[in-house]
Amino acid sequence: MPKIVRFHSIGGPENLKVQDEPSRQPGEGEVKLRVQAVGLNRAESMFMHGLYLEKPELPSRICYEGAGVVESVGPGVDKSWVGKPIATVPGYSMSKNGILGEEAVVPANSLGEYPAKLSPAEAASIWMQYLTAYGALITFGSVKHGDFVLITAASSSVGLAAIQIVNAEGAIPIAATRKSSKSAELRALGAAHVIATEEEDLVKRVNEVTGGTGARIVFDPVAGPGVEKLAEATAFEGIIFEYGALSMQPTPFPLMSALSKGLSIRGYNLGELSRKPSLLETAKKYVYDRLADGRFVPKIAKSFPLAQSADAYHYLRVLLILLADVLHQFFVWPQAGGEGQCERL
């Protein structure tokens, strides 16, 4: 029987259990995967605590994103998927279809092929980060050559993907991170400018970088009180995308800045792409092509075996609390008797 990870009560990683379960066959519109790599996102940490968009149905599976090989398909699914290596696009139910384990059943419409040059671990690190950034910046933000784009929590995996996409479109990425210790690394990864928000005045630095115009697009997963400063740093008729709640604090509406500048401030999540097949296919091709030719490169940092899935989440929590930084996605893949892979966000 395959090993599957579940949690039986709301709380932290200590509730995760690796257990043997009977193999499940795919139903209508589903496929069964032999899992090779799994992406652990901060979304799962919120999900475990009952704080995510989806509420867990206990005992719940967990994890959105992974890579594996299609073993079988359910009714209504193209049989040519069988035997293909794929990576799942997040957006389905984690309680029902969570992918952390040796086997998973997921909706067929969540499948995405990846370039053969990528390892399963690398493939498990692509769709959440690149599609999240793509949807905001390109589909809805229409980023163009010369735009200044302010990217907060820039050392996160989505932040790094955003830097790559902004550069690919000829725009100018301004990376905001908490401490200057990450400045050199962020510049090496493509940031044109880096602002250490605990050491510098964000609004002043953005104005200096942009010649006083501000950033046309702000891409922010933090929310909370800092949105008021972001609004001050945004250009006339600019747009702020809020795609997360890392601060876990109430988020005020920056009324005066919004009125004086005609700002757009909107919530955004990957589901805006994954629920619309035509948008999703365009986005997947964009990311696939740039992964294939080397313009986009996923970053892998640390390893955990499947049996230590709880340790991976504890590691995530320690980074968030002790380092006070936005490191929120790790990738773990189960291999019999082998090591797992973990990616920093």
C-alpha atoms as a PDB file:
ATOM      1  CA  MET A   1       0.000   0.000   0.000  1.00  0.00           C
ATOM      2  CA  PRO A   2       1.281   3.506  -0.773  1.00  0.00           C
ATOM      3  CA  LYS A   3       2.424   5.810   2.020  1.00  0.00           C
ATOM      4  CA  ILE A   4       0.187   8.888   2.324  1.00  0.00           C
ATOM      5  CA  VAL A   5       0.533  11.959   4.560  1.00  0.00           C
ATOM      6  CA  ARG A   6      -2.549  13.198   6.421  1.00  0.00           C
ATOM      7  CA  PHE A   7      -3.394  15.325   9.433  1.00  0.00           C
ATOM      8  CA  HIS A   8      -6.231  14.352  11.765  1.00  0.00           C
ATOM      9  CA  SER A   9      -6.638  17.587  13.725  1.00  0.00           C
ATOM     10  CA  ILE A  10      -6.150  21.319  13.134  1.00  0.00           C
ATOM     11  CA  GLY A  11      -2.753  22.628  14.163  1.00  0.00           C
ATOM     12  CA  GLY A  12       0.905  22.474  13.280  1.00  0.00           C
ATOM     13  CA  PRO A  13       3.247  19.998  11.538  1.00  0.00           C
ATOM     14  CA  GLU A  14       3.234  17.710  14.576  1.00  0.00           C
ATOM     15  CA  ASN A  15      -0.220  16.568  13.409  1.00  0.00           C
ATOM     16  CA  LEU A  16       1.108  15.228  10.104  1.00  0.00           C
ATOM     17  CA  LYS A  17       1.198  11.443   9.960  1.00  0.00           C
ATOM     18  CA  VAL A  18       2.682   9.162   7.314  1.00  0.00           C
ATOM     19  CA  GLN A  19       0.395   6.145   6.973  1.00  0.00           C
ATOM     20  CA  ASP A  20      -0.194   3.207   4.655  1.00  0.00           C
ATOM     21  CA  GLU A  21      -3.471   3.397   2.746  1.00  0.00           C
ATOM     22  CA  PRO A  22      -5.131   1.306   0.061  1.00  0.00           C
ATOM     23  CA  SER A  23      -4.485   2.526  -3.464  1.00  0.00           C
ATOM     24  CA  ARG A  24      -7.377   4.639  -4.798  1.00  0.00           C
ATOM     25  CA  GLN A  25      -8.544   4.466  -8.385  1.00  0.00           C
ATOM     26  CA  PRO A  26      -9.247   7.676 -10.312  1.00  0.00           C
ATOM     27  CA  GLY A  27     -12.855   8.708 -10.829  1.00  0.00           C
ATOM     28  CA  GLU A  28     -14.513  10.741 -13.557  1.00  0.00           C
ATOM     29  CA  GLY A  29     -12.102  13.401 -14.826  1.00  0.00           C
ATOM     30  CA  GLU A  30      -9.242  12.247 -12.581  1.00  0.00           C
ATOM     31  CA  VAL A  31      -5.834  10.603 -12.958  1.00  0.00           C
ATOM     32  CA  LYS A  32      -3.664   8.606 -10.559  1.00  0.00           C
ATOM     33  CA  LEU A  33      -0.025   9.625 -10.172  1.00  0.00           C
ATOM     34  CA  ARG A  34       3.065   7.896  -8.922  1.00  0.00           C
ATOM     35  CA  VAL A  35       4.503  10.872  -7.078  1.00  0.00           C
ATOM     36  CA  GLN A  36       8.174  11.733  -7.477  1.00  0.00           C
ATOM     37  CA  ALA A  37       8.379  15.259  -6.039  1.00  0.00           C
ATOM     38  CA  VAL A  38       6.066  17.457  -4.007  1.00  0.00           C
ATOM     39  CA  GLY A  39       5.998  21.203  -3.430  1.00  0.00           C
ATOM     40  CA  LEU A  40       5.224  22.356   0.117  1.00  0.00           C
ATOM     41  CA  ASN A  41       3.794  25.872   0.136  1.00  0.00           C
ATOM     42  CA  ARG A  42       3.004  28.287   2.915  1.00  0.00           C
ATOM     43  CA  ALA A  43      -0.598  27.806   1.765  1.00  0.00           C
ATOM     44  CA  GLU A  44      -0.434  24.299   3.260  1.00  0.00           C
ATOM     45  CA  SER A  45       0.741  25.669   6.586  1.00  0.00           C
ATOM     46  CA  MET A  46      -2.286  27.981   6.642  1.00  0.00           C
ATOM     47  CA  PHE A  47      -4.471  25.064   5.529  1.00  0.00           C
ATOM     48  CA  MET A  48      -3.266  22.890   8.434  1.00  0.00           C
ATOM     49  CA  HIS A  49      -4.222  25.666  10.843  1.00  0.00           C
ATOM     50  CA  GLY A  50      -7.660  26.163   9.287  1.00  0.00           C
ATOM     51  CA  LEU A  51      -6.730  29.619   7.993  1.00  0.00           C
ATOM     52  CA  TYR A  52      -6.689  29.011   4.240  1.00  0.00           C
ATOM     53  CA  LEU A  53      -9.318  29.625   1.550  1.00  0.00           C
ATOM     54  CA  GLU A  54     -10.267  25.935   1.705  1.00  0.00           C
ATOM     55  CA  LYS A  55     -11.151  24.409   5.070  1.00  0.00           C
ATOM     56  CA  PRO A  56      -9.755  20.920   5.718  1.00  0.00           C
ATOM     57  CA  GLU A  57     -12.080  17.941   5.953  1.00  0.00           C
ATOM     58  CA  LEU A  58     -10.468  15.705   8.569  1.00  0.00           C
ATOM     59  CA  PRO A  59      -8.615  13.450   8.249  1.00  0.00           C
ATOM     60  CA  SER A  60      -7.225  15.569   5.455  1.00  0.00           C
ATOM     61  CA  ARG A  61      -4.606  15.108   2.811  1.00  0.00           C
ATOM     62  CA  ILE A  62      -2.339  18.035   2.048  1.00  0.00           C
ATOM     63  CA  CYS A  63      -0.229  19.690  -0.666  1.00  0.00           C
ATOM     64  CA  TYR A  64      -1.076  21.308  -3.956  1.00  0.00           C
ATOM     65  CA  GLU A  65       1.945  20.927  -6.124  1.00  0.00           C
ATOM     66  CA  GLY A  66       4.037  18.002  -7.265  1.00  0.00           C
ATOM     67  CA  ALA A  67       5.602  16.041 -10.084  1.00  0.00           C
ATOM     68  CA  GLY A  68       5.042  12.425 -11.010  1.00  0.00           C
ATOM     69  CA  VAL A  69       4.099   9.922 -13.674  1.00  0.00           C
ATOM     70  CA  VAL A  70       0.499   9.220 -14.674  1.00  0.00           C
ATOM     71  CA  GLU A  71      -0.278   5.582 -13.850  1.00  0.00           C
ATOM     72  CA  SER A  72      -3.958   5.418 -14.810  1.00  0.00           C
ATOM     73  CA  VAL A  73      -6.853   7.629 -15.846  1.00  0.00           C
ATOM     74  CA  GLY A  74     -10.527   7.728 -14.932  1.00  0.00           C
ATOM     75  CA  PRO A  75     -13.554   7.886 -17.235  1.00  0.00           C
ATOM     76  CA  GLY A  76     -13.567  10.819 -19.603  1.00  0.00           C
ATOM     77  CA  VAL A  77      -9.796  11.353 -19.522  1.00  0.00           C
ATOM     78  CA  ASP A  78      -7.526  11.009 -22.567  1.00  0.00           C
ATOM     79  CA  LYS A  79      -5.636   7.701 -22.179  1.00  0.00           C
ATOM     80  CA  SER A  80      -2.547   9.191 -23.818  1.00  0.00           C
ATOM     81  CA  TRP A  81      -1.682  10.753 -20.447  1.00  0.00           C
ATOM     82  CA  VAL A  82      -0.733   7.304 -19.099  1.00  0.00           C
ATOM     83  CA  GLY A  83       3.042   7.016 -18.677  1.00  0.00           C
ATOM     84  CA  LYS A  84       3.705  10.736 -19.083  1.00  0.00           C
ATOM     85  CA  PRO A  85       5.719  12.719 -16.539  1.00  0.00           C
ATOM     86  CA  ILE A  86       3.680  15.718 -15.362  1.00  0.00           C
ATOM     87  CA  ALA A  87       3.629  18.452 -12.739  1.00  0.00           C
ATOM     88  CA  THR A  88       0.356  19.497 -11.134  1.00  0.00           C
ATOM     89  CA  VAL A  89      -0.995  23.030 -11.310  1.00  0.00           C
ATOM     90  CA  PRO A  90      -2.347  24.081  -7.864  1.00  0.00           C
ATOM     91  CA  GLY A  91      -5.997  24.950  -7.506  1.00  0.00           C
ATOM     92  CA  TYR A  92      -7.769  21.704  -6.636  1.00  0.00           C
ATOM     93  CA  SER A  93      -8.972  20.480  -3.227  1.00  0.00           C
ATOM     94  CA  MET A  94      -6.118  19.637  -0.884  1.00  0.00           C
ATOM     95  CA  SER A  95      -8.416  17.682   1.445  1.00  0.00           C
ATOM     96  CA  LYS A  96      -9.484  15.331  -1.328  1.00  0.00           C
ATOM     97  CA  ASN A  97      -6.581  15.410  -3.759  1.00  0.00           C
ATOM     98  CA  GLY A  98      -3.582  16.478  -1.681  1.00  0.00           C
ATOM     99  CA  ILE A  99      -0.435  15.171  -3.290  1.00  0.00           C
ATOM    100  CA  LEU A 100       1.980  14.617  -0.386  1.00  0.00           C
ATOM    101  CA  GLY A 101       2.662  10.886  -0.462  1.00  0.00           C
ATOM    102  CA  GLU A 102       3.809   8.156  -2.796  1.00  0.00           C
ATOM    103  CA  GLU A 103       0.541   8.201  -4.751  1.00  0.00           C
ATOM    104  CA  ALA A 104      -2.158  10.763  -5.467  1.00  0.00           C
ATOM    105  CA  VAL A 105      -5.376  11.143  -7.437  1.00  0.00           C
ATOM    106  CA  VAL A 106      -5.788  14.607  -8.940  1.00  0.00           C
ATOM    107  CA  PRO A 107      -8.100  16.293 -11.475  1.00  0.00           C
ATOM    108  CA  ALA A 108      -6.930  15.800 -15.046  1.00  0.00           C
ATOM    109  CA  ASN A 109      -7.313  19.515 -15.702  1.00  0.00           C
ATOM    110  CA  SER A 110      -4.527  20.178 -13.178  1.00  0.00           C
ATOM    111  CA  LEU A 111      -1.901  18.390 -15.285  1.00  0.00           C
ATOM    112  CA  GLY A 112       0.927  20.273 -16.902  1.00  0.00           C
ATOM    113  CA  GLU A 113       3.837  18.838 -18.877  1.00  0.00           C
ATOM    114  CA  TYR A 114       7.291  20.191 -18.172  1.00  0.00           C
ATOM    115  CA  PRO A 115      10.538  20.377 -20.188  1.00  0.00           C
ATOM    116  CA  ALA A 116      12.520  17.131 -20.215  1.00  0.00           C
ATOM    117  CA  LYS A 117      15.643  18.968 -19.042  1.00  0.00           C
ATOM    118  CA  LEU A 118      14.055  19.476 -15.593  1.00  0.00           C
ATOM    119  CA  SER A 119      14.325  16.943 -12.795  1.00  0.00           C
ATOM    120  CA  PRO A 120      11.133  15.938 -10.968  1.00  0.00           C
ATOM    121  CA  ALA A 121      12.189  18.166  -8.053  1.00  0.00           C
ATOM    122  CA  GLU A 122      12.617  21.135 -10.371  1.00  0.00           C
ATOM    123  CA  ALA A 123       9.308  20.337 -12.066  1.00  0.00           C
ATOM    124  CA  ALA A 124       7.590  20.391  -8.676  1.00  0.00           C
ATOM    125  CA  SER A 125       8.805  23.942  -8.192  1.00  0.00           C
ATOM    126  CA  ILE A 126       7.460  25.672 -11.290  1.00  0.00           C
ATOM    127  CA  TRP A 127       3.700  26.096 -11.563  1.00  0.00           C
ATOM    128  CA  MET A 128       2.834  27.710  -8.240  1.00  0.00           C
ATOM    129  CA  GLN A 129       5.546  30.312  -8.401  1.00  0.00           C
ATOM    130  CA  TYR A 130       5.615  31.139 -12.109  1.00  0.00           C
ATOM    131  CA  LEU A 131       1.891  31.021 -12.810  1.00  0.00           C
ATOM    132  CA  THR A 132       1.093  33.093  -9.717  1.00  0.00           C
ATOM    133  CA  ALA A 133       3.495  35.790 -10.871  1.00  0.00           C
ATOM    134  CA  TYR A 134       2.456  35.493 -14.528  1.00  0.00           C
ATOM    135  CA  GLY A 135      -1.262  35.963 -13.843  1.00  0.00           C
ATOM    136  CA  ALA A 136      -0.813  39.183 -11.918  1.00  0.00           C
ATOM    137  CA  LEU A 137       1.992  40.726 -13.936  1.00  0.00           C
ATOM    138  CA  ILE A 138       1.055  39.741 -17.477  1.00  0.00           C
ATOM    139  CA  THR A 139      -2.567  38.562 -17.676  1.00  0.00           C
ATOM    140  CA  PHE A 140      -4.031  41.265 -15.449  1.00  0.00           C
ATOM    141  CA  GLY A 141      -1.198  43.772 -14.985  1.00  0.00           C
ATOM    142  CA  SER A 142      -0.140  43.959 -18.665  1.00  0.00           C
ATOM    143  CA  VAL A 143       3.453  44.669 -17.681  1.00  0.00           C
ATOM    144  CA  LYS A 144       5.374  46.289 -20.513  1.00  0.00           C
ATOM    145  CA  HIS A 145       8.861  47.417 -21.433  1.00  0.00           C
ATOM    146  CA  GLY A 146      10.130  50.131 -19.109  1.00  0.00           C
ATOM    147  CA  ASP A 147       7.554  49.642 -16.347  1.00  0.00           C
ATOM    148  CA  PHE A 148       8.816  49.857 -12.782  1.00  0.00           C
ATOM    149  CA  VAL A 149       7.523  46.883 -10.785  1.00  0.00           C
ATOM    150  CA  LEU A 150       7.855  46.768  -6.995  1.00  0.00           C
ATOM    151  CA  ILE A 151       8.066  43.175  -5.720  1.00  0.00           C
ATOM    152  CA  THR A 152       7.744  42.693  -1.969  1.00  0.00           C
ATOM    153  CA  ALA A 153       8.881  39.525  -0.184  1.00  0.00           C
ATOM    154  CA  ALA A 154      11.222  39.314  -3.147  1.00  0.00           C
ATOM    155  CA  SER A 155      13.234  36.407  -1.737  1.00  0.00           C
ATOM    156  CA  SER A 156      10.155  34.159  -1.850  1.00  0.00           C
ATOM    157  CA  SER A 157       9.848  31.720  -4.757  1.00  0.00           C
ATOM    158  CA  VAL A 158       6.980  33.734  -6.260  1.00  0.00           C
ATOM    159  CA  GLY A 159       9.058  36.866  -5.755  1.00  0.00           C
ATOM    160  CA  LEU A 160      12.007  35.329  -7.593  1.00  0.00           C
ATOM    161  CA  ALA A 161       9.693  34.180 -10.389  1.00  0.00           C
ATOM    162  CA  ALA A 162       8.298  37.702 -10.613  1.00  0.00           C
ATOM    163  CA  ILE A 163      11.802  39.130 -10.977  1.00  0.00           C
ATOM    164  CA  GLN A 164      12.472  36.766 -13.880  1.00  0.00           C
ATOM    165  CA  ILE A 165       9.170  37.577 -15.597  1.00  0.00           C
ATOM    166  CA  VAL A 166       9.628  41.340 -15.198  1.00  0.00           C
ATOM    167  CA  ASN A 167      13.091  41.085 -16.738  1.00  0.00           C
ATOM    168  CA  ALA A 168      11.789  38.880 -19.550  1.00  0.00           C
ATOM    169  CA  GLU A 169       9.276  41.594 -20.464  1.00  0.00           C
ATOM    170  CA  GLY A 170      11.883  44.361 -20.459  1.00  0.00           C
ATOM    171  CA  ALA A 171      10.478  45.975 -17.316  1.00  0.00           C
ATOM    172  CA  ILE A 172      12.463  46.990 -14.222  1.00  0.00           C
ATOM    173  CA  PRO A 173      12.150  44.853 -11.060  1.00  0.00           C
ATOM    174  CA  ILE A 174      12.520  46.628  -7.709  1.00  0.00           C
ATOM    175  CA  ALA A 175      12.935  43.986  -5.015  1.00  0.00           C
ATOM    176  CA  ALA A 176      11.857  44.756  -1.460  1.00  0.00           C
ATOM    177  CA  THR A 177      13.160  42.551   1.315  1.00  0.00           C
ATOM    178  CA  ARG A 178      13.477  43.084   5.028  1.00  0.00           C
ATOM    179  CA  LYS A 179      17.266  43.120   5.461  1.00  0.00           C
ATOM    180  CA  SER A 180      20.197  44.173   3.297  1.00  0.00           C
ATOM    181  CA  SER A 181      21.875  40.803   3.850  1.00  0.00           C
ATOM    182  CA  LYS A 182      19.896  39.526   0.858  1.00  0.00           C
ATOM    183  CA  SER A 183      20.675  42.445  -1.456  1.00  0.00           C
ATOM    184  CA  ALA A 184      23.620  40.885  -3.273  1.00  0.00           C
ATOM    185  CA  GLU A 185      21.795  37.595  -3.851  1.00  0.00           C
ATOM    186  CA  LEU A 186      18.675  39.347  -5.151  1.00  0.00           C
ATOM    187  CA  ARG A 187      20.754  41.444  -7.549  1.00  0.00           C
ATOM    188  CA  ALA A 188      22.517  38.302  -8.733  1.00  0.00           C
ATOM    189  CA  LEU A 189      19.072  36.751  -9.356  1.00  0.00           C
ATOM    190  CA  GLY A 190      17.999  39.671 -11.529  1.00  0.00           C
ATOM    191  CA  ALA A 191      16.698  42.508  -9.342  1.00  0.00           C
ATOM    192  CA  ALA A 192      17.613  45.875 -10.838  1.00  0.00           C
ATOM    193  CA  HIS A 193      17.228  47.559  -7.449  1.00  0.00           C
ATOM    194  CA  VAL A 194      16.894  46.215  -3.900  1.00  0.00           C
ATOM    195  CA  ILE A 195      15.290  48.023  -0.958  1.00  0.00           C
ATOM    196  CA  ALA A 196      15.859  46.752   2.599  1.00  0.00           C
ATOM    197  CA  THR A 197      12.626  47.877   4.246  1.00  0.00           C
ATOM    198  CA  GLU A 198      13.894  47.617   7.829  1.00  0.00           C
ATOM    199  CA  GLU A 199      16.870  49.820   6.990  1.00  0.00           C
ATOM    200  CA  GLU A 200      15.582  52.214   4.321  1.00  0.00           C
ATOM    201  CA  ASP A 201      12.561  54.401   3.675  1.00  0.00           C
ATOM    202  CA  LEU A 202      10.565  52.426   1.110  1.00  0.00           C
ATOM    203  CA  VAL A 203       8.690  55.364  -0.399  1.00  0.00           C
ATOM    204  CA  LYS A 204      11.792  57.558  -0.616  1.00  0.00           C
ATOM    205  CA  ARG A 205      13.857  54.812  -2.280  1.00  0.00           C
ATOM    206  CA  VAL A 206      11.123  53.936  -4.801  1.00  0.00           C
ATOM    207  CA  ASN A 207      10.855  57.601  -5.733  1.00  0.00           C
ATOM    208  CA  GLU A 208      14.622  57.820  -6.162  1.00  0.00           C
ATOM    209  CA  VAL A 209      14.722  54.725  -8.356  1.00  0.00           C
ATOM    210  CA  THR A 210      11.752  55.759 -10.514  1.00  0.00           C
ATOM    211  CA  GLY A 211      12.597  59.433 -10.839  1.00  0.00           C
ATOM    212  CA  GLY A 212       9.638  60.368  -8.687  1.00  0.00           C
ATOM    213  CA  THR A 213       6.961  58.565 -10.705  1.00  0.00           C
ATOM    214  CA  GLY A 214       6.538  55.523  -8.453  1.00  0.00           C
ATOM    215  CA  ALA A 215       6.022  51.886  -9.422  1.00  0.00           C
ATOM    216  CA  ARG A 216       3.298  51.194 -11.988  1.00  0.00           C
ATOM    217  CA  ILE A 217       2.756  47.689 -10.583  1.00  0.00           C
ATOM    218  CA  VAL A 218       3.157  46.521  -6.994  1.00  0.00           C
ATOM    219  CA  PHE A 219       3.138  42.754  -6.396  1.00  0.00           C
ATOM    220  CA  ASP A 220       2.622  42.057  -2.703  1.00  0.00           C
ATOM    221  CA  PRO A 221       1.939  38.893  -0.641  1.00  0.00           C
ATOM    222  CA  VAL A 222       2.325  40.586   2.745  1.00  0.00           C
ATOM    223  CA  ALA A 223      -0.718  42.895   3.059  1.00  0.00           C
ATOM    224  CA  GLY A 224      -1.439  44.380   6.487  1.00  0.00           C
ATOM    225  CA  PRO A 225      -0.588  47.961   7.515  1.00  0.00           C
ATOM    226  CA  GLY A 226       2.276  48.150   5.004  1.00  0.00           C
ATOM    227  CA  VAL A 227      -0.213  48.557   2.162  1.00  0.00           C
ATOM    228  CA  GLU A 228      -0.459  52.242   2.996  1.00  0.00           C
ATOM    229  CA  LYS A 229       3.256  52.710   2.282  1.00  0.00           C
ATOM    230  CA  LEU A 230       2.951  50.664  -0.886  1.00  0.00           C
ATOM    231  CA  ALA A 231       0.185  52.965  -2.082  1.00  0.00           C
ATOM    232  CA  GLU A 232       2.433  55.970  -1.477  1.00  0.00           C
ATOM    233  CA  ALA A 233       5.105  54.288  -3.601  1.00  0.00           C
ATOM    234  CA  THR A 234       2.725  53.472  -6.471  1.00  0.00           C
ATOM    235  CA  ALA A 235       2.550  55.561  -9.640  1.00  0.00           C
ATOM    236  CA  PHE A 236      -0.450  57.572 -10.812  1.00  0.00           C
ATOM    237  CA  GLU A 237      -3.080  55.098 -12.085  1.00  0.00           C
ATOM    238  CA  GLY A 238      -0.895  52.234 -10.899  1.00  0.00           C
ATOM    239  CA  ILE A 239      -2.113  48.877  -9.601  1.00  0.00           C
ATOM    240  CA  ILE A 240      -1.386  46.943  -6.422  1.00  0.00           C
ATOM    241  CA  PHE A 241      -1.868  43.166  -6.476  1.00  0.00           C
ATOM    242  CA  GLU A 242      -2.434  41.589  -3.051  1.00  0.00           C
ATOM    243  CA  TYR A 243      -1.862  37.856  -3.431  1.00  0.00           C
ATOM    244  CA  GLY A 244      -1.239  36.782   0.151  1.00  0.00           C
ATOM    245  CA  ALA A 245      -1.608  37.594   3.831  1.00  0.00           C
ATOM    246  CA  LEU A 246       1.853  37.003   5.284  1.00  0.00           C
ATOM    247  CA  SER A 247       1.448  39.776   7.846  1.00  0.00           C
ATOM    248  CA  MET A 248      -1.718  38.140   9.242  1.00  0.00           C
ATOM    249  CA  GLN A 249      -2.827  41.646  10.268  1.00  0.00           C
ATOM    250  CA  PRO A 250      -5.828  43.745   9.200  1.00  0.00           C
ATOM    251  CA  THR A 251      -5.244  45.507   5.890  1.00  0.00           C
ATOM    252  CA  PRO A 252      -6.398  49.140   5.753  1.00  0.00           C
ATOM    253  CA  PHE A 253      -7.617  50.669   2.514  1.00  0.00           C
ATOM    254  CA  PRO A 254      -5.259  53.569   1.601  1.00  0.00           C
ATOM    255  CA  LEU A 255      -8.091  55.893   0.712  1.00  0.00           C
ATOM    256  CA  MET A 256      -6.247  59.175   0.220  1.00  0.00           C
ATOM    257  CA  SER A 257      -3.544  57.674  -1.993  1.00  0.00           C
ATOM    258  CA  ALA A 258      -6.157  55.746  -3.953  1.00  0.00           C
ATOM    259  CA  LEU A 259      -8.231  58.878  -4.492  1.00  0.00           C
ATOM    260  CA  SER A 260      -5.368  61.190  -5.378  1.00  0.00           C
ATOM    261  CA  LYS A 261      -3.669  58.746  -7.756  1.00  0.00           C
ATOM    262  CA  GLY A 262      -6.612  56.772  -9.128  1.00  0.00           C
ATOM    263  CA  LEU A 263      -5.064  53.551  -7.873  1.00  0.00           C
ATOM    264  CA  SER A 264      -6.401  50.054  -8.453  1.00  0.00           C
ATOM    265  CA  ILE A 265      -5.966  47.686  -5.503  1.00  0.00           C
ATOM    266  CA  ARG A 266      -7.145  44.135  -5.997  1.00  0.00           C
ATOM    267  CA  GLY A 267      -6.931  40.696  -4.504  1.00  0.00           C
ATOM    268  CA  TYR A 268      -5.485  37.990  -6.723  1.00  0.00           C
ATOM    269  CA  ASN A 269      -4.846  34.255  -6.552  1.00  0.00           C
ATOM    270  CA  LEU A 270      -3.768  31.538  -8.961  1.00  0.00           C
ATOM    271  CA  GLY A 271      -7.355  30.283  -9.244  1.00  0.00           C
ATOM    272  CA  GLU A 272      -8.084  33.215 -11.551  1.00  0.00           C
ATOM    273  CA  LEU A 273      -5.959  31.375 -14.122  1.00  0.00           C
ATOM    274  CA  SER A 274      -6.557  27.747 -13.220  1.00  0.00           C
ATOM    275  CA  ARG A 275     -10.353  28.113 -13.491  1.00  0.00           C
ATOM    276  CA  LYS A 276     -10.143  29.507 -17.048  1.00  0.00           C
ATOM    277  CA  PRO A 277      -8.660  26.952 -19.465  1.00  0.00           C
ATOM    278  CA  SER A 278      -7.807  29.421 -22.235  1.00  0.00           C
ATOM    279  CA  LEU A 279      -5.888  31.719 -19.863  1.00  0.00           C
ATOM    280  CA  LEU A 280      -4.182  28.774 -18.182  1.00  0.00           C
ATOM    281  CA  GLU A 281      -2.963  27.206 -21.427  1.00  0.00           C
ATOM    282  CA  THR A 282      -1.472  30.501 -22.588  1.00  0.00           C
ATOM    283  CA  ALA A 283       0.246  30.941 -19.226  1.00  0.00           C
ATOM    284  CA  LYS A 284       1.607  27.384 -19.169  1.00  0.00           C
ATOM    285  CA  LYS A 285       3.087  27.763 -22.664  1.00  0.00           C
ATOM    286  CA  TYR A 286       4.749  31.041 -21.680  1.00  0.00           C
ATOM    287  CA  VAL A 287       6.390  29.431 -18.639  1.00  0.00           C
ATOM    288  CA  TYR A 288       7.211  26.149 -20.420  1.00  0.00           C
ATOM    289  CA  ASP A 289       9.012  27.896 -23.285  1.00  0.00           C
ATOM    290  CA  ARG A 290      11.160  29.978 -20.943  1.00  0.00           C
ATOM    291  CA  LEU A 291      12.030  27.008 -18.764  1.00  0.00           C
ATOM    292  CA  ALA A 292      12.989  25.042 -21.867  1.00  0.00           C
ATOM    293  CA  ASP A 293      15.360  27.696 -23.208  1.00  0.00           C
ATOM    294  CA  GLY A 294      16.865  28.530 -19.821  1.00  0.00           C
ATOM    295  CA  ARG A 295      15.460  32.016 -19.291  1.00  0.00           C
ATOM    296  CA  PHE A 296      13.621  30.749 -16.210  1.00  0.00           C
ATOM    297  CA  VAL A 297      15.514  28.644 -13.668  1.00  0.00           C
ATOM    298  CA  PRO A 298      13.840  27.199 -10.531  1.00  0.00           C
ATOM    299  CA  LYS A 299      15.952  27.357  -7.366  1.00  0.00           C
ATOM    300  CA  ILE A 300      16.369  24.239  -5.213  1.00  0.00           C
ATOM    301  CA  ALA A 301      17.865  24.567  -1.731  1.00  0.00           C
ATOM    302  CA  LYS A 302      17.277  21.739   0.782  1.00  0.00           C
ATOM    303  CA  SER A 303      16.309  18.082   1.071  1.00  0.00           C
ATOM    304  CA  PHE A 304      13.914  16.018   3.213  1.00  0.00           C
ATOM    305  CA  PRO A 305      12.754  12.406   2.817  1.00  0.00           C
ATOM    306  CA  LEU A 306       9.029  11.692   2.836  1.00  0.00           C
ATOM    307  CA  ALA A 307       9.237  10.256   6.346  1.00  0.00           C
ATOM    308  CA  GLN A 308      10.393  13.691   7.552  1.00  0.00           C
ATOM    309  CA  SER A 309       7.561  15.694   5.993  1.00  0.00           C
ATOM    310  CA  ALA A 310       6.671  17.095   9.424  1.00  0.00           C
ATOM    311  CA  ASP A 311      10.289  18.168   9.848  1.00  0.00           C
ATOM    312  CA  ALA A 312      10.102  20.050   6.553  1.00  0.00           C
ATOM    313  CA  TYR A 313       7.109  22.014   7.827  1.00  0.00           C
ATOM    314  CA  HIS A 314       8.818  22.617  11.166  1.00  0.00           C
ATOM    315  CA  TYR A 315      11.806  23.941   9.233  1.00  0.00           C
ATOM    316  CA  LEU A 316       9.492  26.236   7.337  1.00  0.00           C
ATOM    317  CA  ARG A 317       7.945  27.512  10.554  1.00  0.00           C
ATOM    318  CA  VAL A 318      11.344  28.088  12.176  1.00  0.00           C
ATOM    319  CA  LEU A 319      12.470  30.127   9.200  1.00  0.00           C
ATOM    320  CA  LEU A 320       9.340  32.234   9.343  1.00  0.00           C
ATOM    321  CA  ILE A 321       9.560  32.854  13.080  1.00  0.00           C
ATOM    322  CA  LEU A 322      13.298  33.011  13.810  1.00  0.00           C
ATOM    323  CA  LEU A 323      14.511  34.562  10.588  1.00  0.00           C
ATOM    324  CA  ALA A 324      11.413  36.793  10.312  1.00  0.00           C
ATOM    325  CA  ASP A 325      11.521  36.454   6.563  1.00  0.00           C
ATOM    326  CA  VAL A 326       9.195  35.277   3.848  1.00  0.00           C
ATOM    327  CA  LEU A 327      10.532  31.832   3.012  1.00  0.00           C
ATOM    328  CA  HIS A 328       7.367  29.885   2.350  1.00  0.00           C
ATOM    329  CA  GLN A 329       7.700  27.041  -0.070  1.00  0.00           C
ATOM    330  CA  PHE A 330       9.662  23.833   0.130  1.00  0.00           C
ATOM    331  CA  PHE A 331       9.727  20.873  -2.167  1.00  0.00           C
ATOM    332  CA  VAL A 332       9.873  17.361  -0.942  1.00  0.00           C
ATOM    333  CA  TRP A 333       9.676  14.199  -2.955  1.00  0.00           C
ATOM    334  CA  PRO A 334       9.355  10.648  -1.690  1.00  0.00           C
ATOM    335  CA  GLN A 335      11.645   7.957  -2.984  1.00  0.00           C
ATOM    336  CA  ALA A 336      11.939   4.491  -1.525  1.00  0.00           C
ATOM    337  CA  GLY A 337      15.042   4.549   0.657  1.00  0.00           C
ATOM    338  CA  GLY A 338      16.112   7.867  -0.862  1.00  0.00           C
ATOM    339  CA  GLU A 339      16.320  11.522  -0.097  1.00  0.00           C
ATOM    340  CA  GLY A 340      13.751  14.217  -0.762  1.00  0.00           C
ATOM    341  CA  GLN A 341      14.200  17.650  -2.233  1.00  0.00           C
ATOM    342  CA  CYS A 342      13.186  20.922  -0.659  1.00  0.00           C
ATOM    343  CA  GLU A 343      13.057  24.293  -2.349  1.00  0.00           C
ATOM    344  CA  ARG A 344      13.156  27.633  -0.645  1.00  0.00           C
ATOM    345  CA  LEU A 345      10.517  30.173  -1.631  1.00  0.00           C
END
